[in-house]
């Protein structure tokens, strides 16, 4: 059975997840994290896309990015990130072959309702995984910049965060409060399921609107009881 093509659109934020092969570890020391982020910053410029949020877990990564005018840069970004990081670890450990799953997950985001929630979801991932007590305790996410604790080196301004307040100090305070508050169960399941299934992150109205304006058929979202919470 052929694999379903990813759904991606120009000028729209996307939640991307890429996991290590068989969910195995892909970050082993500080240099691994620093090198990956350096590569992300480099290709953000080279490919002309925007990066709003990230979280580098031990065996997978989360990104929130906008391809701008050319959706093909999403695949190119993940290809280059995976290839360079694979070469690094293969040299370090004497391995061969890819360390990543064959396909990354990609979910276009309803920027009106779920953009801010997706950023919070990404920044709070280490908390849900019970690796740390608060987002601020985890070094390898975009939280510190988005919450105003660190200088912004390469992240693009997130419109959903900027909309929280015209005052920068107050904006950071509000985001810290939001990031410290768990997402509603419905939001959590929406984001998690959409990213895992390469579906749109949004309600039915958003899905119908995208299908109509893009002239495509969007797969129906499965119905049923929410699954038990777990970090993703």
C-alpha atoms as a PDB file:
ATOM      1  CA  UNK A   1       0.000   0.000   0.000  1.00  0.00           C
ATOM      2  CA  UNK A   2       1.544   3.371  -1.004  1.00  0.00           C
ATOM      3  CA  UNK A   3       2.369   5.822   1.760  1.00  0.00           C
ATOM      4  CA  UNK A   4       0.093   8.839   2.105  1.00  0.00           C
ATOM      5  CA  UNK A   5       1.734  12.062   0.976  1.00  0.00           C
ATOM      6  CA  UNK A   6       2.409  14.659   3.622  1.00  0.00           C
ATOM      7  CA  UNK A   7       0.063  17.628   3.747  1.00  0.00           C
ATOM      8  CA  UNK A   8       1.984  20.917   3.707  1.00  0.00           C
ATOM      9  CA  UNK A   9       1.142  24.455   2.650  1.00  0.00           C
ATOM     10  CA  UNK A  10       2.989  27.657   1.886  1.00  0.00           C
ATOM     11  CA  UNK A  11       2.788  30.532   4.355  1.00  0.00           C
ATOM     12  CA  UNK A  12       1.537  28.286   7.160  1.00  0.00           C
ATOM     13  CA  UNK A  13       3.240  27.103  10.377  1.00  0.00           C
ATOM     14  CA  UNK A  14       3.883  23.351  10.616  1.00  0.00           C
ATOM     15  CA  UNK A  15       4.593  21.115  13.597  1.00  0.00           C
ATOM     16  CA  UNK A  16       7.347  18.671  12.638  1.00  0.00           C
ATOM     17  CA  UNK A  17       8.492  15.618  14.603  1.00  0.00           C
ATOM     18  CA  UNK A  18      11.446  13.433  13.695  1.00  0.00           C
ATOM     19  CA  UNK A  19      12.398  10.389  15.776  1.00  0.00           C
ATOM     20  CA  UNK A  20      15.496   8.311  16.110  1.00  0.00           C
ATOM     21  CA  UNK A  21      15.465   4.937  14.355  1.00  0.00           C
ATOM     22  CA  UNK A  22      13.394   2.553  16.504  1.00  0.00           C
ATOM     23  CA  UNK A  23      13.088   5.473  18.934  1.00  0.00           C
ATOM     24  CA  UNK A  24      16.738   5.117  19.892  1.00  0.00           C
ATOM     25  CA  UNK A  25      18.802   7.937  21.347  1.00  0.00           C
ATOM     26  CA  UNK A  26      20.165  10.583  18.955  1.00  0.00           C
ATOM     27  CA  UNK A  27      21.651  13.127  21.394  1.00  0.00           C
ATOM     28  CA  UNK A  28      24.388  11.963  23.745  1.00  0.00           C
ATOM     29  CA  UNK A  29      26.269  15.041  24.925  1.00  0.00           C
ATOM     30  CA  UNK A  30      26.198  18.815  24.895  1.00  0.00           C
ATOM     31  CA  UNK A  31      28.101  19.051  21.627  1.00  0.00           C
ATOM     32  CA  UNK A  32      25.400  17.006  19.860  1.00  0.00           C
ATOM     33  CA  UNK A  33      22.709  19.492  20.870  1.00  0.00           C
ATOM     34  CA  UNK A  34      24.793  22.544  20.064  1.00  0.00           C
ATOM     35  CA  UNK A  35      25.773  21.180  16.658  1.00  0.00           C
ATOM     36  CA  UNK A  36      22.158  20.348  15.745  1.00  0.00           C
ATOM     37  CA  UNK A  37      20.955  23.823  16.692  1.00  0.00           C
ATOM     38  CA  UNK A  38      23.805  25.391  14.738  1.00  0.00           C
ATOM     39  CA  UNK A  39      22.749  23.380  11.697  1.00  0.00           C
ATOM     40  CA  UNK A  40      19.128  24.452  12.185  1.00  0.00           C
ATOM     41  CA  UNK A  41      20.158  28.113  12.379  1.00  0.00           C
ATOM     42  CA  UNK A  42      22.296  27.762   9.249  1.00  0.00           C
ATOM     43  CA  UNK A  43      19.630  26.104   7.109  1.00  0.00           C
ATOM     44  CA  UNK A  44      16.947  28.484   8.347  1.00  0.00           C
ATOM     45  CA  UNK A  45      18.845  31.176   6.457  1.00  0.00           C
ATOM     46  CA  UNK A  46      19.917  29.028   3.505  1.00  0.00           C
ATOM     47  CA  UNK A  47      16.401  27.757   2.821  1.00  0.00           C
ATOM     48  CA  UNK A  48      14.584  30.982   3.670  1.00  0.00           C
ATOM     49  CA  UNK A  49      12.124  29.556   6.183  1.00  0.00           C
ATOM     50  CA  UNK A  50      11.061  30.647   9.651  1.00  0.00           C
ATOM     51  CA  UNK A  51      11.659  28.752  12.884  1.00  0.00           C
ATOM     52  CA  UNK A  52       9.312  29.597  15.754  1.00  0.00           C
ATOM     53  CA  UNK A  53       9.933  26.829  18.320  1.00  0.00           C
ATOM     54  CA  UNK A  54      11.996  23.705  18.918  1.00  0.00           C
ATOM     55  CA  UNK A  55      12.678  21.022  21.488  1.00  0.00           C
ATOM     56  CA  UNK A  56      15.506  18.504  21.238  1.00  0.00           C
ATOM     57  CA  UNK A  57      14.608  15.431  23.277  1.00  0.00           C
ATOM     58  CA  UNK A  58      17.076  12.571  23.723  1.00  0.00           C
ATOM     59  CA  UNK A  59      15.534  10.439  20.954  1.00  0.00           C
ATOM     60  CA  UNK A  60      13.467  12.858  18.862  1.00  0.00           C
ATOM     61  CA  UNK A  61      13.018  16.500  17.900  1.00  0.00           C
ATOM     62  CA  UNK A  62      10.057  18.874  17.660  1.00  0.00           C
ATOM     63  CA  UNK A  63      10.075  21.937  15.404  1.00  0.00           C
ATOM     64  CA  UNK A  64       7.503  24.579  14.560  1.00  0.00           C
ATOM     65  CA  UNK A  65       8.470  26.093  11.211  1.00  0.00           C
ATOM     66  CA  UNK A  66       6.959  28.046   8.319  1.00  0.00           C
ATOM     67  CA  UNK A  67       8.217  27.170   4.800  1.00  0.00           C
ATOM     68  CA  UNK A  68       7.091  30.568   3.528  1.00  0.00           C
ATOM     69  CA  UNK A  69       6.589  30.417  -0.263  1.00  0.00           C
ATOM     70  CA  UNK A  70       7.964  26.942  -1.032  1.00  0.00           C
ATOM     71  CA  UNK A  71       6.748  23.908   0.910  1.00  0.00           C
ATOM     72  CA  UNK A  72       9.591  21.813  -0.521  1.00  0.00           C
ATOM     73  CA  UNK A  73      12.003  23.443   1.916  1.00  0.00           C
ATOM     74  CA  UNK A  74      10.407  21.490   4.778  1.00  0.00           C
ATOM     75  CA  UNK A  75      11.622  18.198   3.337  1.00  0.00           C
ATOM     76  CA  UNK A  76      14.956  19.728   2.425  1.00  0.00           C
ATOM     77  CA  UNK A  77      15.425  21.080   5.955  1.00  0.00           C
ATOM     78  CA  UNK A  78      14.761  17.737   7.615  1.00  0.00           C
ATOM     79  CA  UNK A  79      16.904  15.903   5.077  1.00  0.00           C
ATOM     80  CA  UNK A  80      19.879  18.186   5.743  1.00  0.00           C
ATOM     81  CA  UNK A  81      19.433  18.145   9.521  1.00  0.00           C
ATOM     82  CA  UNK A  82      19.230  14.349   9.564  1.00  0.00           C
ATOM     83  CA  UNK A  83      22.160  13.847   7.220  1.00  0.00           C
ATOM     84  CA  UNK A  84      24.567  16.138   9.054  1.00  0.00           C
ATOM     85  CA  UNK A  85      23.659  14.787  12.485  1.00  0.00           C
ATOM     86  CA  UNK A  86      23.943  11.210  11.223  1.00  0.00           C
ATOM     87  CA  UNK A  87      27.429  11.871   9.845  1.00  0.00           C
ATOM     88  CA  UNK A  88      28.446  13.393  13.164  1.00  0.00           C
ATOM     89  CA  UNK A  89      27.340  10.409  15.240  1.00  0.00           C
ATOM     90  CA  UNK A  90      28.658   7.860  12.758  1.00  0.00           C
ATOM     91  CA  UNK A  91      32.099   9.463  12.989  1.00  0.00           C
ATOM     92  CA  UNK A  92      31.889   9.681  16.778  1.00  0.00           C
ATOM     93  CA  UNK A  93      30.809   6.070  17.393  1.00  0.00           C
ATOM     94  CA  UNK A  94      32.044   4.267  14.290  1.00  0.00           C
ATOM     95  CA  UNK A  95      28.500   3.541  13.160  1.00  0.00           C
ATOM     96  CA  UNK A  96      27.038   3.328   9.654  1.00  0.00           C
ATOM     97  CA  UNK A  97      23.612   4.042   8.212  1.00  0.00           C
ATOM     98  CA  UNK A  98      20.914   6.504   9.217  1.00  0.00           C
ATOM     99  CA  UNK A  99      20.085   7.096  12.866  1.00  0.00           C
ATOM    100  CA  UNK A 100      16.625   8.516  12.048  1.00  0.00           C
ATOM    101  CA  UNK A 101      13.280   7.057  11.071  1.00  0.00           C
ATOM    102  CA  UNK A 102      12.686   7.122   7.336  1.00  0.00           C
ATOM    103  CA  UNK A 103       9.964   9.769   7.393  1.00  0.00           C
ATOM    104  CA  UNK A 104       9.391  12.740   9.641  1.00  0.00           C
ATOM    105  CA  UNK A 105       5.909  13.736  10.787  1.00  0.00           C
ATOM    106  CA  UNK A 106       4.435  17.020   9.570  1.00  0.00           C
ATOM    107  CA  UNK A 107       1.221  18.766  10.626  1.00  0.00           C
ATOM    108  CA  UNK A 108       0.030  22.159   9.293  1.00  0.00           C
ATOM    109  CA  UNK A 109      -1.280  24.322  12.143  1.00  0.00           C
ATOM    110  CA  UNK A 110      -4.426  26.414  12.363  1.00  0.00           C
ATOM    111  CA  UNK A 111      -2.632  29.657  13.190  1.00  0.00           C
ATOM    112  CA  UNK A 112      -5.813  31.274  14.523  1.00  0.00           C
ATOM    113  CA  UNK A 113      -6.501  28.688  17.259  1.00  0.00           C
ATOM    114  CA  UNK A 114      -3.576  26.296  17.710  1.00  0.00           C
ATOM    115  CA  UNK A 115      -0.375  28.194  16.901  1.00  0.00           C
ATOM    116  CA  UNK A 116       0.222  29.279  20.488  1.00  0.00           C
ATOM    117  CA  UNK A 117      -0.867  25.892  21.826  1.00  0.00           C
ATOM    118  CA  UNK A 118       1.619  24.094  19.561  1.00  0.00           C
ATOM    119  CA  UNK A 119       4.465  26.292  20.771  1.00  0.00           C
ATOM    120  CA  UNK A 120       3.522  25.552  24.360  1.00  0.00           C
ATOM    121  CA  UNK A 121       3.240  21.857  23.524  1.00  0.00           C
ATOM    122  CA  UNK A 122       6.778  21.835  22.134  1.00  0.00           C
ATOM    123  CA  UNK A 123       8.334  23.842  24.974  1.00  0.00           C
ATOM    124  CA  UNK A 124       6.635  21.719  27.655  1.00  0.00           C
ATOM    125  CA  UNK A 125       7.508  18.361  26.120  1.00  0.00           C
ATOM    126  CA  UNK A 126      10.289  17.602  28.657  1.00  0.00           C
ATOM    127  CA  UNK A 127       7.835  18.269  31.501  1.00  0.00           C
ATOM    128  CA  UNK A 128       5.275  15.826  30.102  1.00  0.00           C
ATOM    129  CA  UNK A 129       8.085  13.285  29.718  1.00  0.00           C
ATOM    130  CA  UNK A 130       8.923  13.844  33.421  1.00  0.00           C
ATOM    131  CA  UNK A 131      12.501  14.752  32.591  1.00  0.00           C
ATOM    132  CA  UNK A 132      12.218  18.103  34.407  1.00  0.00           C
ATOM    133  CA  UNK A 133       9.770  19.850  36.708  1.00  0.00           C
ATOM    134  CA  UNK A 134       9.348  23.031  34.649  1.00  0.00           C
ATOM    135  CA  UNK A 135      10.109  24.095  31.045  1.00  0.00           C
ATOM    136  CA  UNK A 136      12.828  26.411  32.376  1.00  0.00           C
ATOM    137  CA  UNK A 137      14.728  23.407  33.754  1.00  0.00           C
ATOM    138  CA  UNK A 138      15.344  22.013  30.262  1.00  0.00           C
ATOM    139  CA  UNK A 139      18.140  23.625  28.280  1.00  0.00           C
ATOM    140  CA  UNK A 140      17.456  22.376  24.761  1.00  0.00           C
ATOM    141  CA  UNK A 141      14.162  23.994  23.861  1.00  0.00           C
ATOM    142  CA  UNK A 142      12.985  27.372  22.622  1.00  0.00           C
ATOM    143  CA  UNK A 143      11.321  28.126  25.959  1.00  0.00           C
ATOM    144  CA  UNK A 144      14.107  30.306  27.336  1.00  0.00           C
ATOM    145  CA  UNK A 145      13.964  32.671  24.365  1.00  0.00           C
ATOM    146  CA  UNK A 146      10.174  32.679  24.081  1.00  0.00           C
ATOM    147  CA  UNK A 147       9.857  33.350  27.828  1.00  0.00           C
ATOM    148  CA  UNK A 148      12.439  36.134  27.783  1.00  0.00           C
ATOM    149  CA  UNK A 149      15.155  34.354  29.767  1.00  0.00           C
ATOM    150  CA  UNK A 150      17.717  34.146  26.954  1.00  0.00           C
ATOM    151  CA  UNK A 151      18.876  36.234  24.031  1.00  0.00           C
ATOM    152  CA  UNK A 152      17.317  35.291  20.710  1.00  0.00           C
ATOM    153  CA  UNK A 153      20.067  33.980  18.440  1.00  0.00           C
ATOM    154  CA  UNK A 154      18.072  32.644  15.489  1.00  0.00           C
ATOM    155  CA  UNK A 155      14.392  32.099  16.325  1.00  0.00           C
ATOM    156  CA  UNK A 156      11.829  34.088  14.359  1.00  0.00           C
ATOM    157  CA  UNK A 157       9.222  36.089  16.286  1.00  0.00           C
ATOM    158  CA  UNK A 158       6.146  33.949  16.892  1.00  0.00           C
ATOM    159  CA  UNK A 159       3.060  36.015  15.957  1.00  0.00           C
ATOM    160  CA  UNK A 160       0.931  34.123  18.491  1.00  0.00           C
ATOM    161  CA  UNK A 161       3.332  35.041  21.301  1.00  0.00           C
ATOM    162  CA  UNK A 162       3.678  38.645  20.133  1.00  0.00           C
ATOM    163  CA  UNK A 163      -0.116  38.952  20.205  1.00  0.00           C
ATOM    164  CA  UNK A 164      -0.151  38.271  23.954  1.00  0.00           C
ATOM    165  CA  UNK A 165       0.833  41.868  24.737  1.00  0.00           C
ATOM    166  CA  UNK A 166       2.391  44.891  22.988  1.00  0.00           C
ATOM    167  CA  UNK A 167       4.710  45.229  25.983  1.00  0.00           C
ATOM    168  CA  UNK A 168       7.651  42.836  25.688  1.00  0.00           C
ATOM    169  CA  UNK A 169       8.102  42.356  29.439  1.00  0.00           C
ATOM    170  CA  UNK A 170       4.425  41.630  29.961  1.00  0.00           C
ATOM    171  CA  UNK A 171       4.380  39.350  26.918  1.00  0.00           C
ATOM    172  CA  UNK A 172       7.138  37.224  28.421  1.00  0.00           C
ATOM    173  CA  UNK A 173       5.351  37.104  31.765  1.00  0.00           C
ATOM    174  CA  UNK A 174       2.159  35.892  30.132  1.00  0.00           C
ATOM    175  CA  UNK A 175       3.991  33.241  28.145  1.00  0.00           C
ATOM    176  CA  UNK A 176       5.719  31.955  31.267  1.00  0.00           C
ATOM    177  CA  UNK A 177       2.339  31.616  32.954  1.00  0.00           C
ATOM    178  CA  UNK A 178       0.893  29.814  29.940  1.00  0.00           C
ATOM    179  CA  UNK A 179       3.873  27.496  29.548  1.00  0.00           C
ATOM    180  CA  UNK A 180       3.616  26.539  33.214  1.00  0.00           C
ATOM    181  CA  UNK A 181      -0.044  25.590  32.741  1.00  0.00           C
ATOM    182  CA  UNK A 182      -0.752  22.154  31.205  1.00  0.00           C
ATOM    183  CA  UNK A 183      -2.636  22.214  27.933  1.00  0.00           C
ATOM    184  CA  UNK A 184      -6.288  21.265  28.053  1.00  0.00           C
ATOM    185  CA  UNK A 185      -6.731  17.554  27.384  1.00  0.00           C
ATOM    186  CA  UNK A 186      -8.553  18.249  24.116  1.00  0.00           C
ATOM    187  CA  UNK A 187      -5.771  20.507  22.850  1.00  0.00           C
ATOM    188  CA  UNK A 188      -3.141  17.996  23.880  1.00  0.00           C
ATOM    189  CA  UNK A 189      -4.832  15.137  22.058  1.00  0.00           C
ATOM    190  CA  UNK A 190      -5.518  17.300  18.999  1.00  0.00           C
ATOM    191  CA  UNK A 191      -1.866  18.292  18.611  1.00  0.00           C
ATOM    192  CA  UNK A 192      -0.473  14.863  19.421  1.00  0.00           C
ATOM    193  CA  UNK A 193      -2.793  12.940  17.102  1.00  0.00           C
ATOM    194  CA  UNK A 194      -2.402  15.393  14.230  1.00  0.00           C
ATOM    195  CA  UNK A 195       1.386  15.259  14.382  1.00  0.00           C
ATOM    196  CA  UNK A 196       1.481  11.473  14.616  1.00  0.00           C
ATOM    197  CA  UNK A 197      -0.865  11.022  11.638  1.00  0.00           C
ATOM    198  CA  UNK A 198       0.417  13.836   9.383  1.00  0.00           C
ATOM    199  CA  UNK A 199      -2.952  15.574   9.661  1.00  0.00           C
ATOM    200  CA  UNK A 200      -3.965  19.186  10.089  1.00  0.00           C
ATOM    201  CA  UNK A 201      -3.835  20.612  13.603  1.00  0.00           C
ATOM    202  CA  UNK A 202      -7.216  22.290  13.798  1.00  0.00           C
ATOM    203  CA  UNK A 203     -10.925  21.844  14.201  1.00  0.00           C
ATOM    204  CA  UNK A 204     -13.244  20.593  11.466  1.00  0.00           C
ATOM    205  CA  UNK A 205     -13.970  24.140  10.266  1.00  0.00           C
ATOM    206  CA  UNK A 206     -10.275  24.751   9.636  1.00  0.00           C
ATOM    207  CA  UNK A 207      -9.885  21.419   7.867  1.00  0.00           C
ATOM    208  CA  UNK A 208     -12.888  22.126   5.639  1.00  0.00           C
ATOM    209  CA  UNK A 209     -11.581  25.610   4.830  1.00  0.00           C
ATOM    210  CA  UNK A 210      -8.144  24.282   3.872  1.00  0.00           C
ATOM    211  CA  UNK A 211      -9.681  21.543   1.748  1.00  0.00           C
ATOM    212  CA  UNK A 212     -11.855  24.078  -0.072  1.00  0.00           C
ATOM    213  CA  UNK A 213      -9.205  26.758  -0.629  1.00  0.00           C
ATOM    214  CA  UNK A 214      -6.480  24.290  -1.589  1.00  0.00           C
ATOM    215  CA  UNK A 215      -8.740  22.093  -3.706  1.00  0.00           C
ATOM    216  CA  UNK A 216      -7.709  18.907  -1.931  1.00  0.00           C
ATOM    217  CA  UNK A 217      -9.328  16.038  -0.063  1.00  0.00           C
ATOM    218  CA  UNK A 218      -8.248  15.925   3.581  1.00  0.00           C
ATOM    219  CA  UNK A 219      -8.428  12.490   5.264  1.00  0.00           C
ATOM    220  CA  UNK A 220     -11.152  12.284   7.886  1.00  0.00           C
ATOM    221  CA  UNK A 221      -9.963  12.460  11.484  1.00  0.00           C
ATOM    222  CA  UNK A 222     -10.568   9.249  13.453  1.00  0.00           C
ATOM    223  CA  UNK A 223     -13.256   9.475  16.102  1.00  0.00           C
ATOM    224  CA  UNK A 224     -13.215   7.794  19.482  1.00  0.00           C
ATOM    225  CA  UNK A 225     -12.191   8.136  23.078  1.00  0.00           C
ATOM    226  CA  UNK A 226      -8.989  10.081  23.790  1.00  0.00           C
ATOM    227  CA  UNK A 227      -6.016   7.911  24.519  1.00  0.00           C
ATOM    228  CA  UNK A 228      -4.190   7.927  27.830  1.00  0.00           C
ATOM    229  CA  UNK A 229      -1.749  10.797  28.151  1.00  0.00           C
ATOM    230  CA  UNK A 230       1.910  10.236  27.400  1.00  0.00           C
ATOM    231  CA  UNK A 231       4.784  12.431  26.349  1.00  0.00           C
ATOM    232  CA  UNK A 232       5.365  12.686  22.601  1.00  0.00           C
END
